[in-house]
Amino acid sequence: MAIKHFSISINGLVQGVSFRWAATRIANNLDIRGFILNKPDGSVYIEAEGEENDLQEFIEWCKVGPERAIIDNCTVKENKLNNYTSFEVRY
């Protein structure tokens, strides 16, 4: 399997609901590398790299999020690899 890179933007009630921490746990379980951060507009932005099957599972989770999240929109775009070595929360 080839390693892929996706940029994921998630809009809705996604800040203040532990989205970043839950996503980090899921990403680590799926061996996904990259980062997640809260944007000033209230959205969440993720760059994720890993095996395509694992990324698809992660993206499906992002469309639902943690229990208190309400996802209005999840946009996914494929980009070039950055060769991240871990998954982290950025500020």
C-alpha atoms as a PDB file:
ATOM      1  CA  MET A   1       0.000   0.000   0.000  1.00  0.00           C
ATOM      2  CA  ALA A   2       1.147   3.494  -0.787  1.00  0.00           C
ATOM      3  CA  ILE A   3       1.370   6.227   1.812  1.00  0.00           C
ATOM      4  CA  LYS A   4      -0.959   9.150   1.070  1.00  0.00           C
ATOM      5  CA  HIS A   5      -1.468  12.650   2.453  1.00  0.00           C
ATOM      6  CA  PHE A   6      -4.864  14.258   2.978  1.00  0.00           C
ATOM      7  CA  SER A   7      -5.768  17.731   4.225  1.00  0.00           C
ATOM      8  CA  ILE A   8      -9.061  17.649   6.112  1.00  0.00           C
ATOM      9  CA  SER A   9     -11.163  20.685   7.068  1.00  0.00           C
ATOM     10  CA  ILE A  10     -14.076  20.107   9.443  1.00  0.00           C
ATOM     11  CA  ASN A  11     -16.786  22.673  10.123  1.00  0.00           C
ATOM     12  CA  GLY A  12     -19.546  22.622  12.714  1.00  0.00           C
ATOM     13  CA  LEU A  13     -19.475  22.333  16.489  1.00  0.00           C
ATOM     14  CA  VAL A  14     -15.930  20.983  16.572  1.00  0.00           C
ATOM     15  CA  GLN A  15     -14.146  23.202  19.111  1.00  0.00           C
ATOM     16  CA  GLY A  16     -14.646  22.737  22.835  1.00  0.00           C
ATOM     17  CA  VAL A  17     -15.817  19.135  22.399  1.00  0.00           C
ATOM     18  CA  SER A  18     -12.417  17.365  22.733  1.00  0.00           C
ATOM     19  CA  PHE A  19     -12.224  16.861  18.967  1.00  0.00           C
ATOM     20  CA  ARG A  20      -8.447  17.321  18.778  1.00  0.00           C
ATOM     21  CA  TRP A  21      -7.730  14.888  21.599  1.00  0.00           C
ATOM     22  CA  ALA A  22     -10.121  12.227  20.313  1.00  0.00           C
ATOM     23  CA  ALA A  23      -8.714  12.585  16.785  1.00  0.00           C
ATOM     24  CA  THR A  24      -5.180  12.213  18.121  1.00  0.00           C
ATOM     25  CA  ARG A  25      -6.129   8.964  19.878  1.00  0.00           C
ATOM     26  CA  ILE A  26      -7.766   7.587  16.709  1.00  0.00           C
ATOM     27  CA  ALA A  27      -4.825   8.696  14.537  1.00  0.00           C
ATOM     28  CA  ASN A  28      -2.320   7.005  16.842  1.00  0.00           C
ATOM     29  CA  ASN A  29      -4.378   3.799  16.851  1.00  0.00           C
ATOM     30  CA  LEU A  30      -4.365   3.818  13.025  1.00  0.00           C
ATOM     31  CA  ASP A  31      -0.655   4.779  12.715  1.00  0.00           C
ATOM     32  CA  ILE A  32      -1.548   8.088  11.051  1.00  0.00           C
ATOM     33  CA  ARG A  33       0.978  10.892  11.189  1.00  0.00           C
ATOM     34  CA  GLY A  34       0.452  14.633  10.848  1.00  0.00           C
ATOM     35  CA  PHE A  35      -1.250  17.281  12.956  1.00  0.00           C
ATOM     36  CA  ILE A  36      -4.560  18.804  14.016  1.00  0.00           C
ATOM     37  CA  LEU A  37      -5.341  22.373  15.024  1.00  0.00           C
ATOM     38  CA  ASN A  38      -8.244  24.671  15.821  1.00  0.00           C
ATOM     39  CA  LYS A  39      -8.706  27.487  13.295  1.00  0.00           C
ATOM     40  CA  PRO A  40      -9.798  31.027  14.264  1.00  0.00           C
ATOM     41  CA  ASP A  41     -13.038  30.578  12.259  1.00  0.00           C
ATOM     42  CA  GLY A  42     -14.168  27.768  14.605  1.00  0.00           C
ATOM     43  CA  SER A  43     -13.220  24.907  12.274  1.00  0.00           C
ATOM     44  CA  VAL A  44     -10.645  22.152  12.764  1.00  0.00           C
ATOM     45  CA  TYR A  45      -7.832  21.518  10.271  1.00  0.00           C
ATOM     46  CA  ILE A  46      -5.962  18.213   9.949  1.00  0.00           C
ATOM     47  CA  GLU A  47      -3.058  17.043   7.846  1.00  0.00           C
ATOM     48  CA  ALA A  48      -2.912  13.252   7.888  1.00  0.00           C
ATOM     49  CA  GLU A  49      -0.507  10.780   6.308  1.00  0.00           C
ATOM     50  CA  GLY A  50      -0.661   7.009   6.322  1.00  0.00           C
ATOM     51  CA  GLU A  51      -1.836   3.921   4.494  1.00  0.00           C
ATOM     52  CA  GLU A  52      -4.873   4.635   2.334  1.00  0.00           C
ATOM     53  CA  ASN A  53      -7.160   2.161   4.167  1.00  0.00           C
ATOM     54  CA  ASP A  54      -6.230   3.654   7.554  1.00  0.00           C
ATOM     55  CA  LEU A  55      -6.750   7.177   6.213  1.00  0.00           C
ATOM     56  CA  GLN A  56     -10.193   6.272   4.906  1.00  0.00           C
ATOM     57  CA  GLU A  57     -11.163   4.919   8.339  1.00  0.00           C
ATOM     58  CA  PHE A  58      -9.832   8.105   9.966  1.00  0.00           C
ATOM     59  CA  ILE A  59     -11.747  10.314   7.507  1.00  0.00           C
ATOM     60  CA  GLU A  60     -14.965   8.410   8.209  1.00  0.00           C
ATOM     61  CA  TRP A  61     -14.408   9.046  11.932  1.00  0.00           C
ATOM     62  CA  CYS A  62     -13.798  12.763  11.211  1.00  0.00           C
ATOM     63  CA  LYS A  63     -17.217  12.955   9.535  1.00  0.00           C
ATOM     64  CA  VAL A  64     -18.798  11.954  12.874  1.00  0.00           C
ATOM     65  CA  GLY A  65     -16.247  13.117  15.456  1.00  0.00           C
ATOM     66  CA  PRO A  66     -16.457  12.646  19.211  1.00  0.00           C
ATOM     67  CA  GLU A  67     -19.785  12.374  21.027  1.00  0.00           C
ATOM     68  CA  ARG A  68     -20.495  16.098  21.537  1.00  0.00           C
ATOM     69  CA  ALA A  69     -19.372  17.247  18.073  1.00  0.00           C
ATOM     70  CA  ILE A  70     -21.823  18.278  15.361  1.00  0.00           C
ATOM     71  CA  ILE A  71     -20.232  18.052  11.912  1.00  0.00           C
ATOM     72  CA  ASP A  72     -21.690  20.333   9.252  1.00  0.00           C
ATOM     73  CA  ASN A  73     -19.052  19.725   6.593  1.00  0.00           C
ATOM     74  CA  CYS A  74     -15.890  17.661   6.130  1.00  0.00           C
ATOM     75  CA  THR A  75     -13.709  18.561   3.133  1.00  0.00           C
ATOM     76  CA  VAL A  76     -10.867  16.233   2.129  1.00  0.00           C
ATOM     77  CA  LYS A  77      -8.129  17.013  -0.391  1.00  0.00           C
ATOM     78  CA  GLU A  78      -5.153  14.896  -1.375  1.00  0.00           C
ATOM     79  CA  ASN A  79      -1.785  16.676  -1.231  1.00  0.00           C
ATOM     80  CA  LYS A  80       1.907  15.847  -1.497  1.00  0.00           C
ATOM     81  CA  LEU A  81       3.602  13.957   1.324  1.00  0.00           C
ATOM     82  CA  ASN A  82       5.340  15.887   4.097  1.00  0.00           C
ATOM     83  CA  ASN A  83       6.715  12.724   5.760  1.00  0.00           C
ATOM     84  CA  TYR A  84       5.449  13.458   9.259  1.00  0.00           C
ATOM     85  CA  THR A  85       6.844  11.161  11.945  1.00  0.00           C
ATOM     86  CA  SER A  86       4.070  11.490  14.549  1.00  0.00           C
ATOM     87  CA  PHE A  87       0.580  12.942  15.040  1.00  0.00           C
ATOM     88  CA  GLU A  88       0.366  16.033  17.217  1.00  0.00           C
ATOM     89  CA  VAL A  89      -1.960  18.766  18.382  1.00  0.00           C
ATOM     90  CA  ARG A  90      -0.785  22.179  17.206  1.00  0.00           C
ATOM     91  CA  TYR A  91      -1.793  25.552  18.590  1.00  0.00           C
END
